[in-house]
Amino acid sequence: MSRELRIKNHQLKAIVYADESTIHGTGVFARRAIAAGEYIGTYGGPDASRNGIYVLWVTDEHGVDRGRSGRNLLRFLNHAVHPNAEFDGYDLYARIAIPANAEVTFDYGEHYFADAD
């Protein structure tokens, strides 16, 4: 389960940056090469009780869905069918090596697409 490393936003900016995305709107990009398995950052923000823009839902170790309303750069992450990063709780890790300036993506999951109908 997530170790809740919770780096500060200024530390996160040393690893990633937000810019225009070819996927959708604004995206998150690697400021430097990120190694496979490397911790990127923690999705920061207050707890959310309902769905909305920039809300990330995770299922905790007890099977309870918990939401967090994104307030740091990771709120701009875009979806990919074959993502290069994944969440463990609210902590984001590289699934594969991510080159500098590549967009960092994750799979939004079935919950997101079920709610989009």
C-alpha atoms as a PDB file:
ATOM      1  CA  MET A   1       0.000   0.000   0.000  1.00  0.00           C
ATOM      2  CA  SER A   2       0.986   3.608  -0.399  1.00  0.00           C
ATOM      3  CA  ARG A   3       3.796   4.897   1.774  1.00  0.00           C
ATOM      4  CA  GLU A   4       2.413   8.460   1.472  1.00  0.00           C
ATOM      5  CA  LEU A   5       5.807   9.997   0.718  1.00  0.00           C
ATOM      6  CA  ARG A   6       4.163  13.369   0.063  1.00  0.00           C
ATOM      7  CA  ILE A   7       6.861  15.500  -1.470  1.00  0.00           C
ATOM      8  CA  LYS A   8       6.243  19.225  -1.500  1.00  0.00           C
ATOM      9  CA  ASN A   9       5.036  20.894  -4.721  1.00  0.00           C
ATOM     10  CA  HIS A  10       8.377  22.691  -5.200  1.00  0.00           C
ATOM     11  CA  GLN A  11      10.111  19.277  -5.048  1.00  0.00           C
ATOM     12  CA  LEU A  12       7.574  17.859  -7.511  1.00  0.00           C
ATOM     13  CA  LYS A  13       8.444  20.685  -9.919  1.00  0.00           C
ATOM     14  CA  ALA A  14      12.020  19.353 -10.035  1.00  0.00           C
ATOM     15  CA  ILE A  15      10.671  16.087 -11.489  1.00  0.00           C
ATOM     16  CA  VAL A  16       7.683  17.134 -13.647  1.00  0.00           C
ATOM     17  CA  TYR A  17       6.109  20.207 -15.209  1.00  0.00           C
ATOM     18  CA  ALA A  18       2.722  21.063 -16.736  1.00  0.00           C
ATOM     19  CA  ASP A  19       2.416  22.035 -20.397  1.00  0.00           C
ATOM     20  CA  GLU A  20       0.053  21.780 -23.353  1.00  0.00           C
ATOM     21  CA  SER A  21      -0.755  18.151 -24.146  1.00  0.00           C
ATOM     22  CA  THR A  22      -1.468  16.474 -27.459  1.00  0.00           C
ATOM     23  CA  ILE A  23      -3.697  14.049 -25.503  1.00  0.00           C
ATOM     24  CA  HIS A  24      -5.976  16.617 -23.852  1.00  0.00           C
ATOM     25  CA  GLY A  25      -5.623  20.168 -22.559  1.00  0.00           C
ATOM     26  CA  THR A  26      -2.801  20.399 -20.065  1.00  0.00           C
ATOM     27  CA  GLY A  27      -0.592  17.418 -19.264  1.00  0.00           C
ATOM     28  CA  VAL A  28       2.265  16.486 -16.943  1.00  0.00           C
ATOM     29  CA  PHE A  29       5.718  16.014 -18.480  1.00  0.00           C
ATOM     30  CA  ALA A  30       8.989  14.601 -17.180  1.00  0.00           C
ATOM     31  CA  ARG A  31      11.468  17.395 -16.491  1.00  0.00           C
ATOM     32  CA  ARG A  32      14.240  14.783 -16.471  1.00  0.00           C
ATOM     33  CA  ALA A  33      14.502  11.075 -17.228  1.00  0.00           C
ATOM     34  CA  ILE A  34      12.546   9.031 -14.678  1.00  0.00           C
ATOM     35  CA  ALA A  35      13.641   5.445 -14.016  1.00  0.00           C
ATOM     36  CA  ALA A  36      11.206   2.523 -14.052  1.00  0.00           C
ATOM     37  CA  GLY A  37       9.806   2.056 -10.541  1.00  0.00           C
ATOM     38  CA  GLU A  38      10.866   5.531  -9.409  1.00  0.00           C
ATOM     39  CA  TYR A  39       8.564   7.480  -7.107  1.00  0.00           C
ATOM     40  CA  ILE A  40       7.315  10.581  -8.951  1.00  0.00           C
ATOM     41  CA  GLY A  41       5.089  12.249  -6.381  1.00  0.00           C
ATOM     42  CA  THR A  42       1.947  12.121  -4.274  1.00  0.00           C
ATOM     43  CA  TYR A  43      -1.430  13.348  -5.511  1.00  0.00           C
ATOM     44  CA  GLY A  44      -1.897  16.229  -3.083  1.00  0.00           C
ATOM     45  CA  GLY A  45      -5.089  17.880  -1.953  1.00  0.00           C
ATOM     46  CA  PRO A  46      -7.991  17.636   0.471  1.00  0.00           C
ATOM     47  CA  ASP A  47     -10.248  14.606   0.788  1.00  0.00           C
ATOM     48  CA  ALA A  48     -13.212  14.583  -1.599  1.00  0.00           C
ATOM     49  CA  SER A  49     -16.638  13.149  -0.834  1.00  0.00           C
ATOM     50  CA  ARG A  50     -18.029  13.389  -4.379  1.00  0.00           C
ATOM     51  CA  ASN A  51     -16.713  13.125  -7.892  1.00  0.00           C
ATOM     52  CA  GLY A  52     -15.530  16.168  -9.771  1.00  0.00           C
ATOM     53  CA  ILE A  53     -12.747  17.569 -11.893  1.00  0.00           C
ATOM     54  CA  TYR A  54      -9.276  16.571 -10.629  1.00  0.00           C
ATOM     55  CA  VAL A  55     -10.645  14.036  -8.108  1.00  0.00           C
ATOM     56  CA  LEU A  56      -8.566  10.867  -7.873  1.00  0.00           C
ATOM     57  CA  TRP A  57     -10.337   7.828  -6.399  1.00  0.00           C
ATOM     58  CA  VAL A  58      -8.382   4.997  -4.813  1.00  0.00           C
ATOM     59  CA  THR A  59      -9.497   1.870  -3.009  1.00  0.00           C
ATOM     60  CA  ASP A  60      -7.790   1.442   0.355  1.00  0.00           C
ATOM     61  CA  GLU A  61      -6.669  -1.815   1.982  1.00  0.00           C
ATOM     62  CA  HIS A  62     -10.194  -2.298   3.424  1.00  0.00           C
ATOM     63  CA  GLY A  63     -11.878  -2.024   0.017  1.00  0.00           C
ATOM     64  CA  VAL A  64     -13.211   1.479   0.727  1.00  0.00           C
ATOM     65  CA  ASP A  65     -13.124   4.029  -2.097  1.00  0.00           C
ATOM     66  CA  ARG A  66     -11.518   7.308  -1.044  1.00  0.00           C
ATOM     67  CA  GLY A  67     -11.210  10.477  -3.106  1.00  0.00           C
ATOM     68  CA  ARG A  68      -8.739  13.328  -3.102  1.00  0.00           C
ATOM     69  CA  SER A  69      -9.227  16.635  -4.902  1.00  0.00           C
ATOM     70  CA  GLY A  70      -5.950  17.418  -6.686  1.00  0.00           C
ATOM     71  CA  ARG A  71      -4.177  20.655  -5.830  1.00  0.00           C
ATOM     72  CA  ASN A  72      -0.657  19.972  -7.131  1.00  0.00           C
ATOM     73  CA  LEU A  73       0.794  19.396 -10.617  1.00  0.00           C
ATOM     74  CA  LEU A  74      -0.369  15.782 -10.712  1.00  0.00           C
ATOM     75  CA  ARG A  75      -3.959  16.987 -11.164  1.00  0.00           C
ATOM     76  CA  PHE A  76      -3.064  17.506 -14.845  1.00  0.00           C
ATOM     77  CA  LEU A  77      -2.198  13.845 -15.520  1.00  0.00           C
ATOM     78  CA  ASN A  78      -3.894  12.484 -18.633  1.00  0.00           C
ATOM     79  CA  HIS A  79      -5.233   9.014 -19.404  1.00  0.00           C
ATOM     80  CA  ALA A  80      -3.501   6.471 -21.619  1.00  0.00           C
ATOM     81  CA  VAL A  81      -4.466   2.908 -22.496  1.00  0.00           C
ATOM     82  CA  HIS A  82      -0.778   2.009 -22.147  1.00  0.00           C
ATOM     83  CA  PRO A  83       0.321   4.380 -19.366  1.00  0.00           C
ATOM     84  CA  ASN A  84       3.897   4.942 -18.281  1.00  0.00           C
ATOM     85  CA  ALA A  85       2.998   5.573 -14.621  1.00  0.00           C
ATOM     86  CA  GLU A  86       0.616   4.135 -12.028  1.00  0.00           C
ATOM     87  CA  PHE A  87      -0.681   4.990  -8.596  1.00  0.00           C
ATOM     88  CA  ASP A  88      -0.140   3.001  -5.421  1.00  0.00           C
ATOM     89  CA  GLY A  89      -2.685   4.710  -3.237  1.00  0.00           C
ATOM     90  CA  TYR A  90      -2.061   8.397  -3.902  1.00  0.00           C
ATOM     91  CA  ASP A  91       1.640   7.862  -4.696  1.00  0.00           C
ATOM     92  CA  LEU A  92       2.638   7.891  -8.385  1.00  0.00           C
ATOM     93  CA  TYR A  93       5.412   5.629  -9.707  1.00  0.00           C
ATOM     94  CA  ALA A  94       6.914   5.148 -13.164  1.00  0.00           C
ATOM     95  CA  ARG A  95       5.818   1.809 -14.668  1.00  0.00           C
ATOM     96  CA  ILE A  96       8.562   2.054 -17.280  1.00  0.00           C
ATOM     97  CA  ALA A  97      11.475   4.403 -17.904  1.00  0.00           C
ATOM     98  CA  ILE A  98      10.111   7.806 -18.913  1.00  0.00           C
ATOM     99  CA  PRO A  99      12.418   9.999 -21.020  1.00  0.00           C
ATOM    100  CA  ALA A 100      12.842  13.699 -20.305  1.00  0.00           C
ATOM    101  CA  ASN A 101      10.018  15.816 -21.793  1.00  0.00           C
ATOM    102  CA  ALA A 102       7.724  12.793 -22.355  1.00  0.00           C
ATOM    103  CA  GLU A 103       4.158  13.104 -21.099  1.00  0.00           C
ATOM    104  CA  VAL A 104       3.477  11.156 -17.898  1.00  0.00           C
ATOM    105  CA  THR A 105       0.189   9.251 -18.113  1.00  0.00           C
ATOM    106  CA  PHE A 106      -1.858   6.762 -16.120  1.00  0.00           C
ATOM    107  CA  ASP A 107      -4.947   4.621 -16.705  1.00  0.00           C
ATOM    108  CA  TYR A 108      -8.000   6.396 -15.281  1.00  0.00           C
ATOM    109  CA  GLY A 109      -9.662   3.000 -14.810  1.00  0.00           C
ATOM    110  CA  GLU A 110     -13.151   1.677 -15.390  1.00  0.00           C
ATOM    111  CA  HIS A 111     -14.749   3.892 -12.720  1.00  0.00           C
ATOM    112  CA  TYR A 112     -13.907   7.013 -14.685  1.00  0.00           C
ATOM    113  CA  PHE A 113     -15.366   5.731 -17.934  1.00  0.00           C
ATOM    114  CA  ALA A 114     -18.479   4.302 -16.259  1.00  0.00           C
ATOM    115  CA  ASP A 115     -19.215   7.760 -14.770  1.00  0.00           C
ATOM    116  CA  ALA A 116     -18.660   9.468 -18.134  1.00  0.00           C
ATOM    117  CA  ASP A 117     -21.846   7.988 -19.660  1.00  0.00           C
END
